[in-house]
Structure formats: C-alpha cells, structure tokens
Amino acid sequence: MPDSESRGQVVETIFRKCAKDGMVGQMVLRQLREMQMEEVYENLMGKSFWGDVDLRDLPQEWTCNVIEGKRMRRKQFRR
C-alpha cells in the first residue's frame, strides 16, 4: 500500500486495536517501524522513530497478553 493518509489511518487503527487487546509485542513494534511512517510512529508511541523502544517502556496494558518466543507459547498451551 503506497504512503497516503488512508494508509496511516489503517496503521493507527490496527495499532490501537493491538494496544486495546494488550497485544503490542516485538512483532507489532517491528512491523510499525518497517512501515517507515515516522510521523504515525511518533504519534502512536510518543517516542522518537529513531530511538529504541523496549516493551518495558510501554504501558503494561498494551503488552499484558503478549507471549514472546516459541518456547513461551508452547509452555502456555500445555497448561
């Protein structure tokens, strides 16, 4: 999808849904950065596009349902 206002709106909508569901993990952050939409990134994250963001720096409610890594996912589903 080429850069446009509608692309930015789609990215914002998807990110806000992930944040609401507590699913902002490394994959979401990586995809958001790879979109190369600096203004949208900074608006959503409240941080510079060029700085590093750690999951611990984000609001806990954005990341509360994230399970990072295959080993952790397998462990969760064995319960």
N, C-alpha and C. Protein backbone atom coordinates (compact mmCIF):
# COMPACT_ATOMS: atom_id res chain seq x y z
N MET A 1 0.85 -1.17 0.00
CA MET A 1 0.00 0.00 0.00
C MET A 1 0.90 1.24 0.00
N PRO A 2 0.74 2.14 -0.94
CA PRO A 2 1.60 3.33 -1.01
C PRO A 2 1.32 4.27 0.16
N ASP A 3 2.32 5.13 0.48
CA ASP A 3 2.14 6.12 1.53
C ASP A 3 0.95 7.00 1.19
N SER A 4 0.07 7.14 2.14
CA SER A 4 -1.09 8.02 1.96
C SER A 4 -1.73 8.23 3.32
N GLU A 5 -2.68 9.14 3.34
CA GLU A 5 -3.40 9.40 4.58
C GLU A 5 -4.19 8.17 5.01
N SER A 6 -4.79 7.48 4.05
CA SER A 6 -5.57 6.29 4.40
C SER A 6 -4.68 5.18 4.94
N ARG A 7 -3.46 5.05 4.42
CA ARG A 7 -2.53 4.05 4.94
C ARG A 7 -2.21 4.34 6.40
N GLY A 8 -1.96 5.60 6.69
CA GLY A 8 -1.69 6.00 8.07
C GLY A 8 -2.85 5.70 8.99
N GLN A 9 -4.07 5.93 8.50
CA GLN A 9 -5.26 5.65 9.30
C GLN A 9 -5.41 4.15 9.56
N VAL A 10 -5.11 3.33 8.56
CA VAL A 10 -5.19 1.88 8.74
C VAL A 10 -4.17 1.43 9.77
N VAL A 11 -2.95 1.94 9.67
CA VAL A 11 -1.89 1.58 10.62
C VAL A 11 -2.30 1.98 12.03
N GLU A 12 -2.82 3.19 12.19
CA GLU A 12 -3.24 3.66 13.51
C GLU A 12 -4.37 2.79 14.07
N THR A 13 -5.34 2.46 13.25
CA THR A 13 -6.46 1.64 13.69
C THR A 13 -6.00 0.28 14.17
N ILE A 14 -5.12 -0.36 13.39
CA ILE A 14 -4.62 -1.69 13.76
C ILE A 14 -3.79 -1.61 15.03
N PHE A 15 -2.92 -0.60 15.13
CA PHE A 15 -2.10 -0.47 16.34
C PHE A 15 -2.97 -0.25 17.57
N ARG A 16 -3.95 0.62 17.46
CA ARG A 16 -4.82 0.91 18.61
C ARG A 16 -5.61 -0.35 19.03
N LYS A 17 -6.00 -1.16 18.07
CA LYS A 17 -6.68 -2.43 18.38
C LYS A 17 -5.72 -3.37 19.13
N CYS A 18 -4.48 -3.46 18.65
CA CYS A 18 -3.49 -4.30 19.34
C CYS A 18 -3.26 -3.79 20.76
N ALA A 19 -3.13 -2.47 20.92
CA ALA A 19 -2.89 -1.90 22.25
C ALA A 19 -4.09 -2.17 23.16
N LYS A 20 -5.29 -2.00 22.64
CA LYS A 20 -6.50 -2.25 23.43
C LYS A 20 -6.59 -3.70 23.88
N ASP A 21 -6.15 -4.61 23.01
CA ASP A 21 -6.19 -6.04 23.32
C ASP A 21 -4.97 -6.52 24.10
N GLY A 22 -4.03 -5.61 24.41
CA GLY A 22 -2.83 -5.97 25.15
C GLY A 22 -1.86 -6.81 24.34
N MET A 23 -1.83 -6.60 23.04
CA MET A 23 -1.04 -7.45 22.15
C MET A 23 0.08 -6.71 21.41
N VAL A 24 0.59 -5.64 22.00
CA VAL A 24 1.71 -4.93 21.39
C VAL A 24 3.00 -5.59 21.85
N GLY A 25 3.56 -6.43 20.99
CA GLY A 25 4.81 -7.12 21.28
C GLY A 25 5.89 -6.69 20.30
N GLN A 26 6.99 -7.42 20.31
CA GLN A 26 8.11 -7.09 19.42
C GLN A 26 7.70 -7.12 17.95
N MET A 27 6.85 -8.07 17.57
CA MET A 27 6.43 -8.16 16.18
C MET A 27 5.65 -6.91 15.76
N VAL A 28 4.75 -6.44 16.60
CA VAL A 28 3.98 -5.24 16.27
C VAL A 28 4.91 -4.03 16.18
N LEU A 29 5.83 -3.91 17.12
CA LEU A 29 6.77 -2.79 17.09
C LEU A 29 7.65 -2.83 15.84
N ARG A 30 8.11 -4.03 15.48
CA ARG A 30 8.96 -4.20 14.29
C ARG A 30 8.17 -3.83 13.03
N GLN A 31 6.94 -4.32 12.91
CA GLN A 31 6.12 -4.01 11.74
C GLN A 31 5.81 -2.51 11.66
N LEU A 32 5.52 -1.90 12.78
CA LEU A 32 5.23 -0.47 12.81
C LEU A 32 6.43 0.33 12.33
N ARG A 33 7.61 -0.06 12.77
CA ARG A 33 8.84 0.65 12.35
C ARG A 33 9.12 0.40 10.86
N GLU A 34 8.87 -0.82 10.39
CA GLU A 34 9.13 -1.16 8.99
C GLU A 34 8.19 -0.44 8.02
N MET A 35 7.09 0.07 8.52
CA MET A 35 6.17 0.83 7.67
C MET A 35 6.80 2.15 7.23
N GLN A 36 7.86 2.58 7.93
CA GLN A 36 8.59 3.80 7.59
C GLN A 36 7.69 5.04 7.59
N MET A 37 6.75 5.07 8.51
CA MET A 37 5.86 6.22 8.65
C MET A 37 6.22 6.91 9.96
N GLU A 38 7.26 7.73 9.91
CA GLU A 38 7.84 8.34 11.10
C GLU A 38 6.81 9.12 11.92
N GLU A 39 6.00 9.93 11.28
CA GLU A 39 5.03 10.76 12.00
C GLU A 39 3.98 9.90 12.71
N VAL A 40 3.48 8.87 12.03
CA VAL A 40 2.48 7.98 12.62
C VAL A 40 3.10 7.24 13.81
N TYR A 41 4.31 6.73 13.64
CA TYR A 41 5.02 6.01 14.71
C TYR A 41 5.15 6.89 15.95
N GLU A 42 5.64 8.11 15.75
CA GLU A 42 5.86 9.00 16.89
C GLU A 42 4.55 9.40 17.54
N ASN A 43 3.50 9.56 16.76
CA ASN A 43 2.19 9.89 17.30
C ASN A 43 1.65 8.74 18.17
N LEU A 44 1.79 7.52 17.70
CA LEU A 44 1.28 6.35 18.43
C LEU A 44 2.13 6.01 19.64
N MET A 45 3.44 6.04 19.47
CA MET A 45 4.35 5.59 20.52
C MET A 45 4.70 6.68 21.52
N GLY A 46 4.60 7.94 21.09
CA GLY A 46 5.02 9.03 21.97
C GLY A 46 6.52 9.08 22.15
N LYS A 47 7.24 8.44 21.23
CA LYS A 47 8.70 8.38 21.28
C LYS A 47 9.25 8.60 19.88
N SER A 48 10.52 8.98 19.82
CA SER A 48 11.17 9.21 18.54
C SER A 48 11.25 7.93 17.71
N PHE A 49 11.02 8.06 16.43
CA PHE A 49 11.14 6.95 15.49
C PHE A 49 12.55 6.37 15.54
N TRP A 50 13.53 7.23 15.79
CA TRP A 50 14.94 6.83 15.72
C TRP A 50 15.48 6.29 17.03
N GLY A 51 14.70 6.32 18.09
CA GLY A 51 15.15 5.78 19.37
C GLY A 51 14.73 4.33 19.54
N ASP A 52 15.34 3.66 20.49
CA ASP A 52 14.98 2.27 20.80
C ASP A 52 13.80 2.26 21.76
N VAL A 53 12.90 1.31 21.55
CA VAL A 53 11.75 1.14 22.44
C VAL A 53 11.80 -0.27 22.99
N ASP A 54 11.72 -0.37 24.29
CA ASP A 54 11.68 -1.65 24.97
C ASP A 54 10.24 -1.88 25.42
N LEU A 55 9.79 -3.13 25.40
CA LEU A 55 8.43 -3.42 25.84
C LEU A 55 8.17 -2.92 27.26
N ARG A 56 9.19 -2.92 28.09
CA ARG A 56 9.03 -2.45 29.47
C ARG A 56 8.77 -0.95 29.54
N ASP A 57 9.09 -0.22 28.44
CA ASP A 57 8.85 1.23 28.39
C ASP A 57 7.39 1.56 28.05
N LEU A 58 6.66 0.57 27.57
CA LEU A 58 5.27 0.80 27.13
C LEU A 58 4.30 0.59 28.28
N PRO A 59 3.11 1.17 28.17
CA PRO A 59 2.11 0.92 29.21
C PRO A 59 1.83 -0.59 29.33
N GLN A 60 1.72 -1.08 30.53
CA GLN A 60 1.54 -2.52 30.77
C GLN A 60 0.28 -3.05 30.10
N GLU A 61 -0.76 -2.22 30.02
CA GLU A 61 -1.99 -2.69 29.40
C GLU A 61 -1.84 -2.92 27.89
N TRP A 62 -0.82 -2.33 27.27
CA TRP A 62 -0.55 -2.56 25.83
C TRP A 62 0.09 -3.93 25.60
N THR A 63 0.78 -4.47 26.60
CA THR A 63 1.59 -5.67 26.41
C THR A 63 1.14 -6.85 27.27
N CYS A 64 0.07 -6.69 28.04
CA CYS A 64 -0.30 -7.69 29.05
C CYS A 64 -0.64 -9.07 28.50
N ASN A 65 -1.00 -9.20 27.25
CA ASN A 65 -1.36 -10.51 26.69
C ASN A 65 -0.33 -11.05 25.71
N VAL A 66 0.83 -10.43 25.65
CA VAL A 66 1.88 -10.85 24.73
C VAL A 66 2.67 -12.01 25.32
N ILE A 67 2.89 -13.02 24.50
CA ILE A 67 3.75 -14.14 24.87
C ILE A 67 4.82 -14.21 23.80
N GLU A 68 6.03 -13.81 24.14
CA GLU A 68 7.12 -13.73 23.17
C GLU A 68 7.86 -15.06 23.08
N GLY A 69 8.19 -15.47 21.88
CA GLY A 69 9.02 -16.64 21.66
C GLY A 69 8.23 -17.94 21.59
N LYS A 70 8.70 -18.86 20.76
CA LYS A 70 8.04 -20.16 20.58
C LYS A 70 7.99 -20.96 21.87
N ARG A 71 9.07 -20.96 22.60
CA ARG A 71 9.15 -21.74 23.84
C ARG A 71 8.08 -21.28 24.83
N MET A 72 7.89 -19.98 24.96
CA MET A 72 6.90 -19.46 25.89
C MET A 72 5.48 -19.78 25.42
N ARG A 73 5.22 -19.73 24.11
CA ARG A 73 3.90 -20.06 23.59
C ARG A 73 3.57 -21.52 23.85
N ARG A 74 4.53 -22.42 23.60
CA ARG A 74 4.31 -23.85 23.85
C ARG A 74 4.01 -24.09 25.32
N LYS A 75 4.76 -23.42 26.18
CA LYS A 75 4.58 -23.59 27.62
C LYS A 75 3.18 -23.16 28.04
N GLN A 76 2.67 -22.07 27.47
CA GLN A 76 1.36 -21.58 27.83
C GLN A 76 0.27 -22.57 27.42
N PHE A 77 0.38 -23.15 26.23
CA PHE A 77 -0.66 -24.03 25.73
C PHE A 77 -0.63 -25.42 26.36
N ARG A 78 0.40 -25.76 27.12
CA ARG A 78 0.48 -27.05 27.80
C ARG A 78 -0.27 -27.05 29.11
N ARG A 79 -0.66 -25.90 29.58
CA ARG A 79 -1.33 -25.79 30.90
C ARG A 79 -2.59 -26.58 30.96
